[in-house]
């Protein structure tokens, strides 16, 4: 089964591990999911910030 990764350094989607793990987000099941990684990261960051603010 192919795994897809989003390279946070280059902004490119990669099939399999082609770069350093520290530069990758994933794995994702599809190329399309990997391409959405920046959106997913932003959504999670907003959610965590809201949870932190509510906990203060």
N, C-alpha and C. Protein backbone atom coordinates (compact mmCIF):
# COMPACT_ATOMS: atom_id res chain seq x y z
N UNK A 1 0.84 -1.18 0.00
CA UNK A 1 0.00 0.00 0.00
C UNK A 1 0.89 1.25 0.00
N UNK A 2 0.60 2.17 -0.88
CA UNK A 2 1.38 3.39 -0.98
C UNK A 2 0.98 4.37 0.11
N UNK A 3 1.98 4.98 0.72
CA UNK A 3 1.74 6.05 1.68
C UNK A 3 2.16 7.36 1.04
N UNK A 4 1.44 8.43 1.36
CA UNK A 4 1.72 9.75 0.83
C UNK A 4 2.09 10.68 1.96
N UNK A 5 3.01 11.59 1.68
CA UNK A 5 3.48 12.54 2.69
C UNK A 5 3.47 13.95 2.12
N UNK A 6 3.30 14.91 3.00
CA UNK A 6 3.40 16.31 2.62
C UNK A 6 4.73 16.83 3.15
N UNK A 7 5.56 17.36 2.26
CA UNK A 7 6.86 17.90 2.67
C UNK A 7 6.65 19.35 3.08
N UNK A 8 6.79 19.64 4.37
CA UNK A 8 6.52 20.99 4.88
C UNK A 8 7.60 21.99 4.47
N UNK A 9 8.74 21.49 4.06
CA UNK A 9 9.83 22.38 3.63
C UNK A 9 9.63 22.82 2.18
N UNK A 10 9.23 21.90 1.31
CA UNK A 10 9.10 22.21 -0.12
C UNK A 10 7.66 22.49 -0.54
N UNK A 11 6.69 22.04 0.27
CA UNK A 11 5.29 22.19 -0.10
C UNK A 11 4.82 21.18 -1.12
N UNK A 12 5.62 20.14 -1.33
CA UNK A 12 5.29 19.11 -2.32
C UNK A 12 4.74 17.85 -1.65
N UNK A 13 3.90 17.14 -2.39
CA UNK A 13 3.41 15.83 -1.95
C UNK A 13 4.39 14.79 -2.46
N UNK A 14 4.74 13.84 -1.60
CA UNK A 14 5.70 12.80 -1.95
C UNK A 14 5.06 11.42 -1.81
N UNK A 15 5.36 10.55 -2.75
CA UNK A 15 4.92 9.17 -2.67
C UNK A 15 5.98 8.39 -1.93
N UNK A 16 5.64 7.90 -0.74
CA UNK A 16 6.61 7.23 0.11
C UNK A 16 7.54 8.22 0.79
N UNK A 17 8.40 7.72 1.63
CA UNK A 17 9.34 8.58 2.36
C UNK A 17 10.54 8.89 1.47
N UNK A 18 10.57 10.11 0.98
CA UNK A 18 11.66 10.54 0.12
C UNK A 18 12.55 11.56 0.81
N UNK A 19 12.05 12.14 1.89
CA UNK A 19 12.78 13.21 2.57
C UNK A 19 12.96 12.85 4.04
N UNK A 20 13.65 13.71 4.76
CA UNK A 20 13.84 13.52 6.18
C UNK A 20 12.50 13.52 6.90
N UNK A 21 12.36 12.69 7.91
CA UNK A 21 11.11 12.60 8.66
C UNK A 21 10.73 13.95 9.26
N UNK A 22 11.71 14.75 9.65
CA UNK A 22 11.43 16.06 10.26
C UNK A 22 10.82 17.04 9.26
N UNK A 23 10.88 16.72 7.98
CA UNK A 23 10.32 17.60 6.94
C UNK A 23 8.97 17.10 6.44
N UNK A 24 8.49 15.98 6.99
CA UNK A 24 7.28 15.35 6.46
C UNK A 24 6.13 15.38 7.44
N UNK A 25 4.93 15.53 6.88
CA UNK A 25 3.70 15.35 7.63
C UNK A 25 2.98 14.18 6.98
N UNK A 26 2.51 13.25 7.78
CA UNK A 26 1.84 12.08 7.24
C UNK A 26 2.24 10.86 8.04
N UNK A 27 1.88 9.71 7.58
CA UNK A 27 1.45 9.37 6.23
C UNK A 27 -0.05 9.60 6.02
N UNK A 28 -0.42 9.74 4.76
CA UNK A 28 -1.80 9.86 4.33
C UNK A 28 -2.09 8.72 3.37
N UNK A 29 -3.36 8.35 3.28
CA UNK A 29 -3.77 7.24 2.42
C UNK A 29 -3.78 7.62 0.95
N UNK A 30 -4.03 8.90 0.65
CA UNK A 30 -4.13 9.32 -0.74
C UNK A 30 -3.32 10.58 -0.98
N UNK A 31 -3.01 10.82 -2.24
CA UNK A 31 -2.30 12.05 -2.63
C UNK A 31 -3.15 13.27 -2.26
N UNK A 32 -4.45 13.17 -2.45
CA UNK A 32 -5.35 14.29 -2.17
C UNK A 32 -5.33 14.66 -0.70
N UNK A 33 -5.35 13.66 0.18
CA UNK A 33 -5.28 13.93 1.61
C UNK A 33 -3.96 14.61 1.97
N UNK A 34 -2.87 14.13 1.40
CA UNK A 34 -1.56 14.72 1.67
C UNK A 34 -1.52 16.17 1.19
N UNK A 35 -2.15 16.45 0.07
CA UNK A 35 -2.16 17.81 -0.46
C UNK A 35 -2.93 18.77 0.45
N UNK A 36 -3.87 18.24 1.23
CA UNK A 36 -4.64 19.06 2.17
C UNK A 36 -3.93 19.25 3.50
N UNK A 37 -2.75 18.71 3.66
CA UNK A 37 -2.04 18.75 4.94
C UNK A 37 -1.93 20.17 5.52
N UNK A 38 -1.59 21.19 4.74
CA UNK A 38 -1.50 22.53 5.33
C UNK A 38 -2.83 22.99 5.94
N UNK A 39 -3.94 22.67 5.30
CA UNK A 39 -5.25 23.03 5.84
C UNK A 39 -5.51 22.29 7.14
N UNK A 40 -5.20 20.99 7.16
CA UNK A 40 -5.41 20.18 8.35
C UNK A 40 -4.55 20.71 9.50
N UNK A 41 -3.31 21.04 9.22
CA UNK A 41 -2.42 21.57 10.25
C UNK A 41 -2.96 22.88 10.82
N UNK A 42 -3.43 23.76 9.95
CA UNK A 42 -3.99 25.04 10.40
C UNK A 42 -5.24 24.83 11.25
N UNK A 43 -6.12 23.91 10.82
CA UNK A 43 -7.33 23.62 11.58
C UNK A 43 -6.99 23.09 12.97
N UNK A 44 -6.04 22.17 13.04
CA UNK A 44 -5.65 21.60 14.34
C UNK A 44 -5.02 22.65 15.23
N UNK A 45 -4.21 23.51 14.66
CA UNK A 45 -3.57 24.58 15.45
C UNK A 45 -4.62 25.52 16.04
N UNK A 46 -5.61 25.90 15.23
CA UNK A 46 -6.68 26.77 15.73
C UNK A 46 -7.43 26.09 16.86
N UNK A 47 -7.74 24.82 16.69
CA UNK A 47 -8.49 24.08 17.70
C UNK A 47 -7.70 24.02 19.01
N UNK A 48 -6.40 23.70 18.90
CA UNK A 48 -5.58 23.61 20.10
C UNK A 48 -5.46 24.97 20.79
N UNK A 49 -5.34 26.04 20.02
CA UNK A 49 -5.25 27.39 20.59
C UNK A 49 -6.54 27.74 21.32
N UNK A 50 -7.68 27.38 20.73
CA UNK A 50 -8.96 27.63 21.39
C UNK A 50 -9.09 26.84 22.68
N UNK A 51 -8.64 25.58 22.65
CA UNK A 51 -8.70 24.74 23.86
C UNK A 51 -7.78 25.30 24.94
N UNK A 52 -6.60 25.78 24.55
CA UNK A 52 -5.69 26.37 25.52
C UNK A 52 -6.27 27.63 26.12
N UNK A 53 -6.91 28.47 25.30
CA UNK A 53 -7.50 29.72 25.78
C UNK A 53 -8.66 29.43 26.72
N UNK A 54 -9.44 28.38 26.45
CA UNK A 54 -10.56 28.03 27.30
C UNK A 54 -10.08 27.47 28.64
N UNK A 55 -8.90 26.91 28.67
CA UNK A 55 -8.37 26.32 29.89
C UNK A 55 -7.71 27.32 30.82
N UNK A 56 -7.49 28.54 30.34
CA UNK A 56 -6.83 29.56 31.19
C UNK A 56 -7.73 30.10 32.26
